Amino acid sequence: MSRTPAPNGSPFTAPAWIAAASLLGLVSALVGDGVFDVASWVVFAALIGLVVRAWGKRTR
């Protein structure tokens, strides 16, 4: 009976990074203006891009 090796890393790593990025974008949007607003837009645009990329790579 051979077992396939477990993939590296935890299944919670990617969702944790996504949650951290979302929190960073939210806090930067609420804290200040100017550069903070730009940072929040960049973070949220990257998260939307990540969702679109994952949706495009679906095998179904």
PDB file of N, CA and C in Angstrom:
ATOM      1  N   MET A   1       0.826  -1.171   0.000  1.00  0.00           N
ATOM      2  CA  MET A   1       0.000   0.000   0.000  1.00  0.00           C
ATOM      3  C   MET A   1       0.878   1.245   0.000  1.00  0.00           C
ATOM      4  N   SER A   2       0.887   1.973  -1.084  1.00  0.00           N
ATOM      5  CA  SER A   2       1.702   3.180  -1.125  1.00  0.00           C
ATOM      6  C   SER A   2       0.807   4.397  -0.939  1.00  0.00           C
ATOM      7  N   ARG A   3       1.319   5.333  -0.210  1.00  0.00           N
ATOM      8  CA  ARG A   3       0.571   6.567   0.040  1.00  0.00           C
ATOM      9  C   ARG A   3       1.233   7.700  -0.714  1.00  0.00           C
ATOM     10  N   THR A   4       0.437   8.579  -1.245  1.00  0.00           N
ATOM     11  CA  THR A   4       0.997   9.757  -1.894  1.00  0.00           C
ATOM     12  C   THR A   4       1.391  10.754  -0.812  1.00  0.00           C
ATOM     13  N   PRO A   5       2.483  11.441  -1.020  1.00  0.00           N
ATOM     14  CA  PRO A   5       2.918  12.408   0.000  1.00  0.00           C
ATOM     15  C   PRO A   5       1.934  13.568   0.106  1.00  0.00           C
ATOM     16  N   ALA A   6       1.794  14.067   1.297  1.00  0.00           N
ATOM     17  CA  ALA A   6       0.907  15.205   1.551  1.00  0.00           C
ATOM     18  C   ALA A   6       1.502  16.455   0.918  1.00  0.00           C
ATOM     19  N   PRO A   7       0.661  17.345   0.377  1.00  0.00           N
ATOM     20  CA  PRO A   7       1.189  18.583  -0.191  1.00  0.00           C
ATOM     21  C   PRO A   7       1.812  19.454   0.898  1.00  0.00           C
ATOM     22  N   ASN A   8       2.765  20.242   0.491  1.00  0.00           N
ATOM     23  CA  ASN A   8       3.450  21.123   1.451  1.00  0.00           C
ATOM     24  C   ASN A   8       2.526  22.239   1.901  1.00  0.00           C
ATOM     25  N   GLY A   9       2.586  22.563   3.155  1.00  0.00           N
ATOM     26  CA  GLY A   9       1.818  23.686   3.677  1.00  0.00           C
ATOM     27  C   GLY A   9       0.447  23.271   4.160  1.00  0.00           C
ATOM     28  N   SER A  10      -0.167  24.182   4.840  1.00  0.00           N
ATOM     29  CA  SER A  10      -1.490  23.973   5.392  1.00  0.00           C
ATOM     30  C   SER A  10      -2.548  24.455   4.399  1.00  0.00           C
ATOM     31  N   PRO A  11      -3.728  23.852   4.404  1.00  0.00           N
ATOM     32  CA  PRO A  11      -4.791  24.357   3.527  1.00  0.00           C
ATOM     33  C   PRO A  11      -5.327  25.714   3.969  1.00  0.00           C
ATOM     34  N   PHE A  12      -4.913  26.162   5.125  1.00  0.00           N
ATOM     35  CA  PHE A  12      -5.389  27.447   5.647  1.00  0.00           C
ATOM     36  C   PHE A  12      -4.430  28.599   5.343  1.00  0.00           C
ATOM     37  N   THR A  13      -3.322  28.320   4.667  1.00  0.00           N
ATOM     38  CA  THR A  13      -2.339  29.361   4.391  1.00  0.00           C
ATOM     39  C   THR A  13      -2.883  30.409   3.425  1.00  0.00           C
ATOM     40  N   ALA A  14      -3.428  29.984   2.293  1.00  0.00           N
ATOM     41  CA  ALA A  14      -3.938  30.939   1.304  1.00  0.00           C
ATOM     42  C   ALA A  14      -5.101  31.767   1.855  1.00  0.00           C
ATOM     43  N   PRO A  15      -6.095  31.148   2.503  1.00  0.00           N
ATOM     44  CA  PRO A  15      -7.165  31.978   3.070  1.00  0.00           C
ATOM     45  C   PRO A  15      -6.664  32.960   4.142  1.00  0.00           C
ATOM     46  N   ALA A  16      -5.647  32.565   4.887  1.00  0.00           N
ATOM     47  CA  ALA A  16      -5.094  33.475   5.897  1.00  0.00           C
ATOM     48  C   ALA A  16      -4.442  34.686   5.239  1.00  0.00           C
ATOM     49  N   TRP A  17      -3.710  34.469   4.146  1.00  0.00           N
ATOM     50  CA  TRP A  17      -3.092  35.585   3.426  1.00  0.00           C
ATOM     51  C   TRP A  17      -4.162  36.487   2.805  1.00  0.00           C
ATOM     52  N   ILE A  18      -5.216  35.879   2.270  1.00  0.00           N
ATOM     53  CA  ILE A  18      -6.305  36.670   1.680  1.00  0.00           C
ATOM     54  C   ILE A  18      -6.999  37.505   2.759  1.00  0.00           C
ATOM     55  N   ALA A  19      -7.224  36.912   3.925  1.00  0.00           N
ATOM     56  CA  ALA A  19      -7.847  37.651   5.030  1.00  0.00           C
ATOM     57  C   ALA A  19      -6.949  38.792   5.496  1.00  0.00           C
ATOM     58  N   ALA A  20      -5.649  38.537   5.577  1.00  0.00           N
ATOM     59  CA  ALA A  20      -4.716  39.581   6.008  1.00  0.00           C
ATOM     60  C   ALA A  20      -4.687  40.734   5.002  1.00  0.00           C
ATOM     61  N   ALA A  21      -4.694  40.408   3.711  1.00  0.00           N
ATOM     62  CA  ALA A  21      -4.698  41.456   2.688  1.00  0.00           C
ATOM     63  C   ALA A  21      -5.997  42.256   2.741  1.00  0.00           C
ATOM     64  N   SER A  22      -7.111  41.568   2.943  1.00  0.00           N
ATOM     65  CA  SER A  22      -8.399  42.264   3.056  1.00  0.00           C
ATOM     66  C   SER A  22      -8.410  43.205   4.251  1.00  0.00           C
ATOM     67  N   LEU A  23      -7.889  42.736   5.364  1.00  0.00           N
ATOM     68  CA  LEU A  23      -7.823  43.573   6.559  1.00  0.00           C
ATOM     69  C   LEU A  23      -6.916  44.780   6.335  1.00  0.00           C
ATOM     70  N   LEU A  24      -5.795  44.568   5.672  1.00  0.00           N
ATOM     71  CA  LEU A  24      -4.887  45.674   5.357  1.00  0.00           C
ATOM     72  C   LEU A  24      -5.577  46.706   4.470  1.00  0.00           C
ATOM     73  N   GLY A  25      -6.305  46.245   3.460  1.00  0.00           N
ATOM     74  CA  GLY A  25      -7.013  47.169   2.576  1.00  0.00           C
ATOM     75  C   GLY A  25      -8.105  47.925   3.299  1.00  0.00           C
ATOM     76  N   LEU A  26      -8.825  47.236   4.160  1.00  0.00           N
ATOM     77  CA  LEU A  26      -9.894  47.887   4.907  1.00  0.00           C
ATOM     78  C   LEU A  26      -9.345  48.929   5.873  1.00  0.00           C
ATOM     79  N   VAL A  27      -8.324  48.571   6.608  1.00  0.00           N
ATOM     80  CA  VAL A  27      -7.741  49.510   7.573  1.00  0.00           C
ATOM     81  C   VAL A  27      -7.138  50.712   6.860  1.00  0.00           C
ATOM     82  N   SER A  28      -6.448  50.475   5.744  1.00  0.00           N
ATOM     83  CA  SER A  28      -5.853  51.614   5.032  1.00  0.00           C
ATOM     84  C   SER A  28      -6.926  52.525   4.439  1.00  0.00           C
ATOM     85  N   ALA A  29      -8.072  51.972   4.069  1.00  0.00           N
ATOM     86  CA  ALA A  29      -9.156  52.812   3.552  1.00  0.00           C
ATOM     87  C   ALA A  29      -9.798  53.639   4.660  1.00  0.00           C
ATOM     88  N   LEU A  30      -9.840  53.087   5.862  1.00  0.00           N
ATOM     89  CA  LEU A  30     -10.499  53.785   6.964  1.00  0.00           C
ATOM     90  C   LEU A  30      -9.596  54.780   7.688  1.00  0.00           C
ATOM     91  N   VAL A  31      -8.282  54.561   7.634  1.00  0.00           N
ATOM     92  CA  VAL A  31      -7.359  55.364   8.438  1.00  0.00           C
ATOM     93  C   VAL A  31      -7.082  56.729   7.840  1.00  0.00           C
ATOM     94  N   GLY A  32      -6.814  56.795   6.560  1.00  0.00           N
ATOM     95  CA  GLY A  32      -6.389  58.076   6.026  1.00  0.00           C
ATOM     96  C   GLY A  32      -6.817  58.301   4.597  1.00  0.00           C
ATOM     97  N   ASP A  33      -6.329  59.399   4.031  1.00  0.00           N
ATOM     98  CA  ASP A  33      -6.625  59.781   2.658  1.00  0.00           C
ATOM     99  C   ASP A  33      -5.342  59.758   1.839  1.00  0.00           C
ATOM    100  N   GLY A  34      -5.503  59.954   0.540  1.00  0.00           N
ATOM    101  CA  GLY A  34      -4.346  60.039  -0.339  1.00  0.00           C
ATOM    102  C   GLY A  34      -3.703  58.694  -0.576  1.00  0.00           C
ATOM    103  N   VAL A  35      -2.512  58.526  -0.042  1.00  0.00           N
ATOM    104  CA  VAL A  35      -1.748  57.295  -0.236  1.00  0.00           C
ATOM    105  C   VAL A  35      -2.482  56.096   0.351  1.00  0.00           C
ATOM    106  N   PHE A  36      -3.156  56.279   1.452  1.00  0.00           N
ATOM    107  CA  PHE A  36      -3.902  55.178   2.075  1.00  0.00           C
ATOM    108  C   PHE A  36      -5.044  54.707   1.167  1.00  0.00           C
ATOM    109  N   ASP A  37      -5.719  55.652   0.519  1.00  0.00           N
ATOM    110  CA  ASP A  37      -6.783  55.287  -0.408  1.00  0.00           C
ATOM    111  C   ASP A  37      -6.228  54.515  -1.601  1.00  0.00           C
ATOM    112  N   VAL A  38      -5.100  54.971  -2.109  1.00  0.00           N
ATOM    113  CA  VAL A  38      -4.469  54.271  -3.231  1.00  0.00           C
ATOM    114  C   VAL A  38      -4.073  52.857  -2.819  1.00  0.00           C
ATOM    115  N   ALA A  39      -3.524  52.715  -1.628  1.00  0.00           N
ATOM    116  CA  ALA A  39      -3.120  51.389  -1.147  1.00  0.00           C
ATOM    117  C   ALA A  39      -4.332  50.466  -1.024  1.00  0.00           C
ATOM    118  N   SER A  40      -5.440  50.985  -0.523  1.00  0.00           N
ATOM    119  CA  SER A  40      -6.626  50.145  -0.385  1.00  0.00           C
ATOM    120  C   SER A  40      -7.168  49.738  -1.747  1.00  0.00           C
ATOM    121  N   TRP A  41      -7.157  50.639  -2.723  1.00  0.00           N
ATOM    122  CA  TRP A  41      -7.610  50.289  -4.068  1.00  0.00           C
ATOM    123  C   TRP A  41      -6.711  49.235  -4.691  1.00  0.00           C
ATOM    124  N   VAL A  42      -5.421  49.352  -4.494  1.00  0.00           N
ATOM    125  CA  VAL A  42      -4.482  48.373  -5.050  1.00  0.00           C
ATOM    126  C   VAL A  42      -4.701  47.003  -4.429  1.00  0.00           C
ATOM    127  N   VAL A  43      -4.875  46.972  -3.117  1.00  0.00           N
ATOM    128  CA  VAL A  43      -5.091  45.693  -2.435  1.00  0.00           C
ATOM    129  C   VAL A  43      -6.385  45.045  -2.898  1.00  0.00           C
ATOM    130  N   PHE A  44      -7.461  45.794  -2.956  1.00  0.00           N
ATOM    131  CA  PHE A  44      -8.740  45.213  -3.362  1.00  0.00           C
ATOM    132  C   PHE A  44      -8.754  44.826  -4.838  1.00  0.00           C
ATOM    133  N   ALA A  45      -8.068  45.587  -5.676  1.00  0.00           N
ATOM    134  CA  ALA A  45      -7.962  45.206  -7.093  1.00  0.00           C
ATOM    135  C   ALA A  45      -7.164  43.907  -7.240  1.00  0.00           C
ATOM    136  N   ALA A  46      -6.122  43.752  -6.441  1.00  0.00           N
ATOM    137  CA  ALA A  46      -5.335  42.517  -6.479  1.00  0.00           C
ATOM    138  C   ALA A  46      -6.170  41.326  -6.003  1.00  0.00           C
ATOM    139  N   LEU A  47      -6.985  41.531  -4.989  1.00  0.00           N
ATOM    140  CA  LEU A  47      -7.843  40.444  -4.512  1.00  0.00           C
ATOM    141  C   LEU A  47      -8.885  40.056  -5.558  1.00  0.00           C
ATOM    142  N   ILE A  48      -9.445  41.035  -6.237  1.00  0.00           N
ATOM    143  CA  ILE A  48     -10.395  40.728  -7.310  1.00  0.00           C
ATOM    144  C   ILE A  48      -9.686  40.011  -8.450  1.00  0.00           C
ATOM    145  N   GLY A  49      -8.476  40.435  -8.767  1.00  0.00           N
ATOM    146  CA  GLY A  49      -7.687  39.743  -9.783  1.00  0.00           C
ATOM    147  C   GLY A  49      -7.384  38.308  -9.391  1.00  0.00           C
ATOM    148  N   LEU A  50      -7.147  38.085  -8.121  1.00  0.00           N
ATOM    149  CA  LEU A  50      -6.888  36.731  -7.625  1.00  0.00           C
ATOM    150  C   LEU A  50      -8.117  35.844  -7.799  1.00  0.00           C
ATOM    151  N   VAL A  51      -9.288  36.382  -7.526  1.00  0.00           N
ATOM    152  CA  VAL A  51     -10.530  35.625  -7.696  1.00  0.00           C
ATOM    153  C   VAL A  51     -10.759  35.315  -9.173  1.00  0.00           C
ATOM    154  N   VAL A  52     -10.554  36.295 -10.039  1.00  0.00           N
ATOM    155  CA  VAL A  52     -10.744  36.081 -11.474  1.00  0.00           C
ATOM    156  C   VAL A  52      -9.762  35.034 -11.994  1.00  0.00           C
ATOM    157  N   ARG A  53      -8.530  35.085 -11.532  1.00  0.00           N
ATOM    158  CA  ARG A  53      -7.515  34.100 -11.946  1.00  0.00           C
ATOM    159  C   ARG A  53      -7.910  32.702 -11.486  1.00  0.00           C
ATOM    160  N   ALA A  54      -8.353  32.567 -10.252  1.00  0.00           N
ATOM    161  CA  ALA A  54      -8.755  31.260  -9.737  1.00  0.00           C
ATOM    162  C   ALA A  54      -9.988  30.746 -10.476  1.00  0.00           C
ATOM    163  N   TRP A  55     -10.900  31.649 -10.810  1.00  0.00           N
ATOM    164  CA  TRP A  55     -12.097  31.255 -11.527  1.00  0.00           C
ATOM    165  C   TRP A  55     -11.745  30.773 -12.936  1.00  0.00           C
ATOM    166  N   GLY A  56     -10.772  31.425 -13.554  1.00  0.00           N
ATOM    167  CA  GLY A  56     -10.335  31.030 -14.896  1.00  0.00           C
ATOM    168  C   GLY A  56      -9.595  29.705 -14.925  1.00  0.00           C
ATOM    169  N   LYS A  57      -8.949  29.352 -13.821  1.00  0.00           N
ATOM    170  CA  LYS A  57      -8.184  28.101 -13.754  1.00  0.00           C
ATOM    171  C   LYS A  57      -9.018  26.909 -13.304  1.00  0.00           C
ATOM    172  N   ARG A  58     -10.305  27.129 -13.062  1.00  0.00           N
ATOM    173  CA  ARG A  58     -11.162  26.018 -12.630  1.00  0.00           C
ATOM    174  C   ARG A  58     -11.181  24.923 -13.679  1.00  0.00           C
ATOM    175  N   THR A  59     -11.272  23.693 -13.234  1.00  0.00           N
ATOM    176  CA  THR A  59     -11.271  22.564 -14.166  1.00  0.00           C
ATOM    177  C   THR A  59     -12.672  22.080 -14.503  1.00  0.00           C
ATOM    178  N   ARG A  60     -13.664  22.567 -13.845  1.00  0.00           N
ATOM    179  CA  ARG A  60     -15.042  22.145 -14.132  1.00  0.00           C
ATOM    180  C   ARG A  60     -15.556  22.793 -15.356  1.00  0.00           C
TER     181      ARG A  60
END
